[in-house]
Amino acid sequence: SRITLGEAIEHAVDVVRPRAAELGIVIA
């Protein structure tokens, strides 16, 4: 309950960013 939606979204993006980079995708 102390984790904010902003923190959760940023973390989820960080988790998938390496795979996205392998595919040539930039996540903004």
PDB file of all heavy atoms in Angstrom:
ATOM      1  N   SER A   1       0.819  -1.212   0.000  1.00  0.00           N
ATOM      2  CA  SER A   1       0.000   0.000   0.000  1.00  0.00           C
ATOM      3  C   SER A   1       0.855   1.265   0.000  1.00  0.00           C
ATOM      4  O   SER A   1       0.359   2.338  -0.262  1.00  0.00           O
ATOM      5  CB  SER A   1      -0.959   0.005   1.191  1.00  0.00           C
ATOM      6  OG  SER A   1      -0.254   0.130   2.411  1.00  0.00           O
ATOM      7  N   ARG A   2       2.145   1.140   0.322  1.00  0.00           N
ATOM      8  CA  ARG A   2       3.028   2.308   0.309  1.00  0.00           C
ATOM      9  C   ARG A   2       3.674   2.521  -1.056  1.00  0.00           C
ATOM     10  O   ARG A   2       4.311   3.543  -1.283  1.00  0.00           O
ATOM     11  CB  ARG A   2       4.100   2.163   1.382  1.00  0.00           C
ATOM     12  CG  ARG A   2       3.531   2.255   2.785  1.00  0.00           C
ATOM     13  CD  ARG A   2       4.619   2.320   3.810  1.00  0.00           C
ATOM     14  NE  ARG A   2       5.508   1.172   3.738  1.00  0.00           N
ATOM     15  CZ  ARG A   2       5.593   0.216   4.657  1.00  0.00           C
ATOM     16  NH1 ARG A   2       4.851   0.267   5.724  1.00  0.00           N
ATOM     17  NH2 ARG A   2       6.432  -0.780   4.516  1.00  0.00           N
ATOM     18  N   ILE A   3       3.540   1.569  -1.954  1.00  0.00           N
ATOM     19  CA  ILE A   3       4.101   1.709  -3.297  1.00  0.00           C
ATOM     20  C   ILE A   3       3.098   2.492  -4.139  1.00  0.00           C
ATOM     21  O   ILE A   3       1.933   2.130  -4.225  1.00  0.00           O
ATOM     22  CB  ILE A   3       4.381   0.338  -3.928  1.00  0.00           C
ATOM     23  CG1 ILE A   3       5.434  -0.391  -3.101  1.00  0.00           C
ATOM     24  CG2 ILE A   3       4.818   0.485  -5.377  1.00  0.00           C
ATOM     25  CD1 ILE A   3       5.643  -1.825  -3.494  1.00  0.00           C
ATOM     26  N   THR A   4       3.589   3.570  -4.739  1.00  0.00           N
ATOM     27  CA  THR A   4       2.688   4.405  -5.533  1.00  0.00           C
ATOM     28  C   THR A   4       2.540   3.834  -6.940  1.00  0.00           C
ATOM     29  O   THR A   4       3.370   3.054  -7.413  1.00  0.00           O
ATOM     30  CB  THR A   4       3.204   5.845  -5.637  1.00  0.00           C
ATOM     31  OG1 THR A   4       4.410   5.856  -6.407  1.00  0.00           O
ATOM     32  CG2 THR A   4       3.427   6.460  -4.265  1.00  0.00           C
ATOM     33  N   LEU A   5       1.489   4.267  -7.594  1.00  0.00           N
ATOM     34  CA  LEU A   5       1.254   3.846  -8.971  1.00  0.00           C
ATOM     35  C   LEU A   5       2.400   4.302  -9.864  1.00  0.00           C
ATOM     36  O   LEU A   5       2.850   3.558 -10.742  1.00  0.00           O
ATOM     37  CB  LEU A   5      -0.083   4.392  -9.462  1.00  0.00           C
ATOM     38  CG  LEU A   5      -0.569   3.926 -10.814  1.00  0.00           C
ATOM     39  CD1 LEU A   5      -0.601   2.412 -10.900  1.00  0.00           C
ATOM     40  CD2 LEU A   5      -1.952   4.495 -11.093  1.00  0.00           C
ATOM     41  N   GLY A   6       2.899   5.509  -9.614  1.00  0.00           N
ATOM     42  CA  GLY A   6       4.036   5.994 -10.400  1.00  0.00           C
ATOM     43  C   GLY A   6       5.253   5.106 -10.241  1.00  0.00           C
ATOM     44  O   GLY A   6       5.922   4.762 -11.228  1.00  0.00           O
ATOM     45  N   GLU A   7       5.559   4.712  -9.014  1.00  0.00           N
ATOM     46  CA  GLU A   7       6.697   3.819  -8.767  1.00  0.00           C
ATOM     47  C   GLU A   7       6.491   2.458  -9.420  1.00  0.00           C
ATOM     48  O   GLU A   7       7.419   1.890 -10.003  1.00  0.00           O
ATOM     49  CB  GLU A   7       6.904   3.626  -7.265  1.00  0.00           C
ATOM     50  CG  GLU A   7       7.372   4.861  -6.538  1.00  0.00           C
ATOM     51  CD  GLU A   7       7.268   4.732  -5.030  1.00  0.00           C
ATOM     52  OE1 GLU A   7       6.434   3.965  -4.515  1.00  0.00           O
ATOM     53  OE2 GLU A   7       8.050   5.428  -4.354  1.00  0.00           O
ATOM     54  N   ALA A   8       5.281   1.938  -9.333  1.00  0.00           N
ATOM     55  CA  ALA A   8       4.985   0.636  -9.920  1.00  0.00           C
ATOM     56  C   ALA A   8       5.131   0.669 -11.435  1.00  0.00           C
ATOM     57  O   ALA A   8       5.719  -0.239 -12.036  1.00  0.00           O
ATOM     58  CB  ALA A   8       3.574   0.195  -9.532  1.00  0.00           C
ATOM     59  N   ILE A   9       4.630   1.713 -12.061  1.00  0.00           N
ATOM     60  CA  ILE A   9       4.734   1.829 -13.521  1.00  0.00           C
ATOM     61  C   ILE A   9       6.196   1.970 -13.938  1.00  0.00           C
ATOM     62  O   ILE A   9       6.658   1.293 -14.863  1.00  0.00           O
ATOM     63  CB  ILE A   9       3.890   3.004 -14.045  1.00  0.00           C
ATOM     64  CG1 ILE A   9       2.401   2.705 -13.851  1.00  0.00           C
ATOM     65  CG2 ILE A   9       4.205   3.306 -15.514  1.00  0.00           C
ATOM     66  CD1 ILE A   9       1.487   3.885 -14.093  1.00  0.00           C
ATOM     67  N   GLU A  10       6.933   2.826 -13.244  1.00  0.00           N
ATOM     68  CA  GLU A  10       8.348   3.010 -13.579  1.00  0.00           C
ATOM     69  C   GLU A  10       9.120   1.700 -13.428  1.00  0.00           C
ATOM     70  O   GLU A  10       9.962   1.370 -14.268  1.00  0.00           O
ATOM     71  CB  GLU A  10       8.966   4.098 -12.700  1.00  0.00           C
ATOM     72  CG  GLU A  10       8.498   5.491 -13.077  1.00  0.00           C
ATOM     73  CD  GLU A  10       8.982   6.567 -12.110  1.00  0.00           C
ATOM     74  OE1 GLU A  10       9.672   6.233 -11.124  1.00  0.00           O
ATOM     75  OE2 GLU A  10       8.656   7.738 -12.360  1.00  0.00           O
ATOM     76  N   HIS A  11       8.831   0.938 -12.380  1.00  0.00           N
ATOM     77  CA  HIS A  11       9.526  -0.326 -12.183  1.00  0.00           C
ATOM     78  C   HIS A  11       9.162  -1.329 -13.280  1.00  0.00           C
ATOM     79  O   HIS A  11      10.036  -2.018 -13.811  1.00  0.00           O
ATOM     80  CB  HIS A  11       9.216  -0.920 -10.803  1.00  0.00           C
ATOM     81  CG  HIS A  11      10.015  -2.133 -10.520  1.00  0.00           C
ATOM     82  ND1 HIS A  11       9.556  -3.398 -10.778  1.00  0.00           N
ATOM     83  CD2 HIS A  11      11.267  -2.287 -10.025  1.00  0.00           C
ATOM     84  CE1 HIS A  11      10.474  -4.277 -10.450  1.00  0.00           C
ATOM     85  NE2 HIS A  11      11.531  -3.631  -9.991  1.00  0.00           N
ATOM     86  N   ALA A  12       7.885  -1.416 -13.622  1.00  0.00           N
ATOM     87  CA  ALA A  12       7.459  -2.339 -14.677  1.00  0.00           C
ATOM     88  C   ALA A  12       8.143  -1.993 -16.002  1.00  0.00           C
ATOM     89  O   ALA A  12       8.604  -2.888 -16.721  1.00  0.00           O
ATOM     90  CB  ALA A  12       5.937  -2.308 -14.829  1.00  0.00           C
ATOM     91  N   VAL A  13       8.249  -0.712 -16.305  1.00  0.00           N
ATOM     92  CA  VAL A  13       8.936  -0.287 -17.531  1.00  0.00           C
ATOM     93  C   VAL A  13      10.414  -0.677 -17.460  1.00  0.00           C
ATOM     94  O   VAL A  13      10.976  -1.183 -18.434  1.00  0.00           O
ATOM     95  CB  VAL A  13       8.760   1.233 -17.767  1.00  0.00           C
ATOM     96  CG1 VAL A  13       9.678   1.727 -18.871  1.00  0.00           C
ATOM     97  CG2 VAL A  13       7.308   1.554 -18.088  1.00  0.00           C
ATOM     98  N   ASP A  14      11.045  -0.476 -16.300  1.00  0.00           N
ATOM     99  CA  ASP A  14      12.450  -0.856 -16.138  1.00  0.00           C
ATOM    100  C   ASP A  14      12.658  -2.358 -16.325  1.00  0.00           C
ATOM    101  O   ASP A  14      13.669  -2.780 -16.874  1.00  0.00           O
ATOM    102  CB  ASP A  14      12.978  -0.430 -14.767  1.00  0.00           C
ATOM    103  CG  ASP A  14      13.177   1.072 -14.643  1.00  0.00           C
ATOM    104  OD1 ASP A  14      13.205   1.765 -15.688  1.00  0.00           O
ATOM    105  OD2 ASP A  14      13.293   1.548 -13.497  1.00  0.00           O
ATOM    106  N   VAL A  15      11.696  -3.159 -15.885  1.00  0.00           N
ATOM    107  CA  VAL A  15      11.803  -4.613 -16.011  1.00  0.00           C
ATOM    108  C   VAL A  15      11.792  -5.036 -17.482  1.00  0.00           C
ATOM    109  O   VAL A  15      12.553  -5.913 -17.887  1.00  0.00           O
ATOM    110  CB  VAL A  15      10.664  -5.319 -15.233  1.00  0.00           C
ATOM    111  CG1 VAL A  15      10.555  -6.791 -15.589  1.00  0.00           C
ATOM    112  CG2 VAL A  15      10.883  -5.158 -13.728  1.00  0.00           C
ATOM    113  N   VAL A  16      10.938  -4.431 -18.298  1.00  0.00           N
ATOM    114  CA  VAL A  16      10.821  -4.851 -19.701  1.00  0.00           C
ATOM    115  C   VAL A  16      11.746  -4.091 -20.640  1.00  0.00           C
ATOM    116  O   VAL A  16      11.919  -4.496 -21.795  1.00  0.00           O
ATOM    117  CB  VAL A  16       9.365  -4.760 -20.209  1.00  0.00           C
ATOM    118  CG1 VAL A  16       8.447  -5.642 -19.389  1.00  0.00           C
ATOM    119  CG2 VAL A  16       8.872  -3.345 -20.247  1.00  0.00           C
ATOM    120  N   ARG A  17      12.345  -3.013 -20.178  1.00  0.00           N
ATOM    121  CA  ARG A  17      13.184  -2.186 -21.054  1.00  0.00           C
ATOM    122  C   ARG A  17      14.328  -2.966 -21.716  1.00  0.00           C
ATOM    123  O   ARG A  17      14.582  -2.775 -22.915  1.00  0.00           O
ATOM    124  CB  ARG A  17      13.699  -0.979 -20.279  1.00  0.00           C
ATOM    125  CG  ARG A  17      14.122   0.142 -21.195  1.00  0.00           C
ATOM    126  CD  ARG A  17      14.394   1.427 -20.447  1.00  0.00           C
ATOM    127  NE  ARG A  17      13.257   2.326 -20.635  1.00  0.00           N
ATOM    128  CZ  ARG A  17      12.734   3.070 -19.700  1.00  0.00           C
ATOM    129  NH1 ARG A  17      13.190   3.038 -18.476  1.00  0.00           N
ATOM    130  NH2 ARG A  17      11.715   3.863 -19.965  1.00  0.00           N
ATOM    131  N   PRO A  18      15.039  -3.870 -21.007  1.00  0.00           N
ATOM    132  CA  PRO A  18      16.105  -4.621 -21.692  1.00  0.00           C
ATOM    133  C   PRO A  18      15.586  -5.458 -22.871  1.00  0.00           C
ATOM    134  O   PRO A  18      16.198  -5.476 -23.940  1.00  0.00           O
ATOM    135  CB  PRO A  18      16.675  -5.519 -20.589  1.00  0.00           C
ATOM    136  CG  PRO A  18      16.358  -4.815 -19.319  1.00  0.00           C
ATOM    137  CD  PRO A  18      15.036  -4.146 -19.567  1.00  0.00           C
ATOM    138  N   ARG A  19      14.463  -6.127 -22.699  1.00  0.00           N
ATOM    139  CA  ARG A  19      13.903  -6.921 -23.800  1.00  0.00           C
ATOM    140  C   ARG A  19      13.440  -6.012 -24.925  1.00  0.00           C
ATOM    141  O   ARG A  19      13.632  -6.322 -26.101  1.00  0.00           O
ATOM    142  CB  ARG A  19      12.735  -7.778 -23.296  1.00  0.00           C
ATOM    143  CG  ARG A  19      12.114  -8.629 -24.371  1.00  0.00           C
ATOM    144  CD  ARG A  19      13.085  -9.675 -24.892  1.00  0.00           C
ATOM    145  NE  ARG A  19      12.491 -10.395 -25.997  1.00  0.00           N
ATOM    146  CZ  ARG A  19      13.120 -10.690 -27.115  1.00  0.00           C
ATOM    147  NH1 ARG A  19      14.392 -10.384 -27.262  1.00  0.00           N
ATOM    148  NH2 ARG A  19      12.514 -11.326 -28.087  1.00  0.00           N
ATOM    149  N   ALA A  20      12.863  -4.885 -24.573  1.00  0.00           N
ATOM    150  CA  ALA A  20      12.434  -3.930 -25.595  1.00  0.00           C
ATOM    151  C   ALA A  20      13.640  -3.458 -26.402  1.00  0.00           C
ATOM    152  O   ALA A  20      13.570  -3.371 -27.634  1.00  0.00           O
ATOM    153  CB  ALA A  20      11.719  -2.747 -24.952  1.00  0.00           C
ATOM    154  N   ALA A  21      14.747  -3.185 -25.732  1.00  0.00           N
ATOM    155  CA  ALA A  21      15.960  -2.735 -26.422  1.00  0.00           C
ATOM    156  C   ALA A  21      16.463  -3.802 -27.386  1.00  0.00           C
ATOM    157  O   ALA A  21      16.908  -3.482 -28.495  1.00  0.00           O
ATOM    158  CB  ALA A  21      17.034  -2.368 -25.405  1.00  0.00           C
ATOM    159  N   GLU A  22      16.382  -5.066 -26.970  1.00  0.00           N
ATOM    160  CA  GLU A  22      16.791  -6.160 -27.869  1.00  0.00           C
ATOM    161  C   GLU A  22      15.959  -6.166 -29.143  1.00  0.00           C
ATOM    162  O   GLU A  22      16.447  -6.554 -30.203  1.00  0.00           O
ATOM    163  CB  GLU A  22      16.620  -7.510 -27.173  1.00  0.00           C
ATOM    164  CG  GLU A  22      17.605  -7.781 -26.061  1.00  0.00           C
ATOM    165  CD  GLU A  22      17.286  -9.066 -25.317  1.00  0.00           C
ATOM    166  OE1 GLU A  22      16.360  -9.816 -25.730  1.00  0.00           O
ATOM    167  OE2 GLU A  22      17.959  -9.332 -24.305  1.00  0.00           O
ATOM    168  N   LEU A  23      14.718  -5.747 -29.039  1.00  0.00           N
ATOM    169  CA  LEU A  23      13.810  -5.716 -30.181  1.00  0.00           C
ATOM    170  C   LEU A  23      13.870  -4.390 -30.930  1.00  0.00           C
ATOM    171  O   LEU A  23      13.140  -4.190 -31.899  1.00  0.00           O
ATOM    172  CB  LEU A  23      12.369  -5.974 -29.713  1.00  0.00           C
ATOM    173  CG  LEU A  23      12.108  -7.343 -29.086  1.00  0.00           C
ATOM    174  CD1 LEU A  23      10.707  -7.392 -28.477  1.00  0.00           C
ATOM    175  CD2 LEU A  23      12.285  -8.453 -30.113  1.00  0.00           C
ATOM    176  N   GLY A  24      14.713  -3.465 -30.452  1.00  0.00           N
ATOM    177  CA  GLY A  24      14.828  -2.159 -31.093  1.00  0.00           C
ATOM    178  C   GLY A  24      13.699  -1.208 -30.729  1.00  0.00           C
ATOM    179  O   GLY A  24      13.400  -0.274 -31.465  1.00  0.00           O
ATOM    180  N   ILE A  25      13.071  -1.441 -29.586  1.00  0.00           N
ATOM    181  CA  ILE A  25      11.940  -0.629 -29.145  1.00  0.00           C
ATOM    182  C   ILE A  25      12.382   0.266 -27.998  1.00  0.00           C
ATOM    183  O   ILE A  25      13.021  -0.192 -27.058  1.00  0.00           O
ATOM    184  CB  ILE A  25      10.775  -1.523 -28.668  1.00  0.00           C
ATOM    185  CG1 ILE A  25      10.306  -2.405 -29.820  1.00  0.00           C
ATOM    186  CG2 ILE A  25       9.636  -0.689 -28.105  1.00  0.00           C
ATOM    187  CD1 ILE A  25       9.398  -3.535 -29.372  1.00  0.00           C
ATOM    188  N   VAL A  26      12.043   1.537 -28.090  1.00  0.00           N
ATOM    189  CA  VAL A  26      12.312   2.478 -27.010  1.00  0.00           C
ATOM    190  C   VAL A  26      10.991   2.742 -26.288  1.00  0.00           C
ATOM    191  O   VAL A  26       9.989   3.077 -26.921  1.00  0.00           O
ATOM    192  CB  VAL A  26      12.885   3.805 -27.556  1.00  0.00           C
ATOM    193  CG1 VAL A  26      13.069   4.812 -26.441  1.00  0.00           C
ATOM    194  CG2 VAL A  26      14.198   3.550 -28.286  1.00  0.00           C
ATOM    195  N   ILE A  27      11.006   2.557 -24.983  1.00  0.00           N
ATOM    196  CA  ILE A  27       9.801   2.800 -24.196  1.00  0.00           C
ATOM    197  C   ILE A  27       9.920   4.163 -23.525  1.00  0.00           C
ATOM    198  O   ILE A  27      10.855   4.398 -22.765  1.00  0.00           O
ATOM    199  CB  ILE A  27       9.584   1.716 -23.126  1.00  0.00           C
ATOM    200  CG1 ILE A  27       9.431   0.343 -23.783  1.00  0.00           C
ATOM    201  CG2 ILE A  27       8.363   2.045 -22.271  1.00  0.00           C
ATOM    202  CD1 ILE A  27       9.326  -0.790 -22.797  1.00  0.00           C
ATOM    203  N   ALA A  28       8.971   5.042 -23.822  1.00  0.00           N
ATOM    204  CA  ALA A  28       8.892   6.343 -23.163  1.00  0.00           C
ATOM    205  C   ALA A  28       7.680   6.306 -22.241  1.00  0.00           C
ATOM    206  O   ALA A  28       6.625   5.786 -22.605  1.00  0.00           O
ATOM    207  CB  ALA A  28       8.741   7.453 -24.199  1.00  0.00           C
TER     208      ALA A  28
END
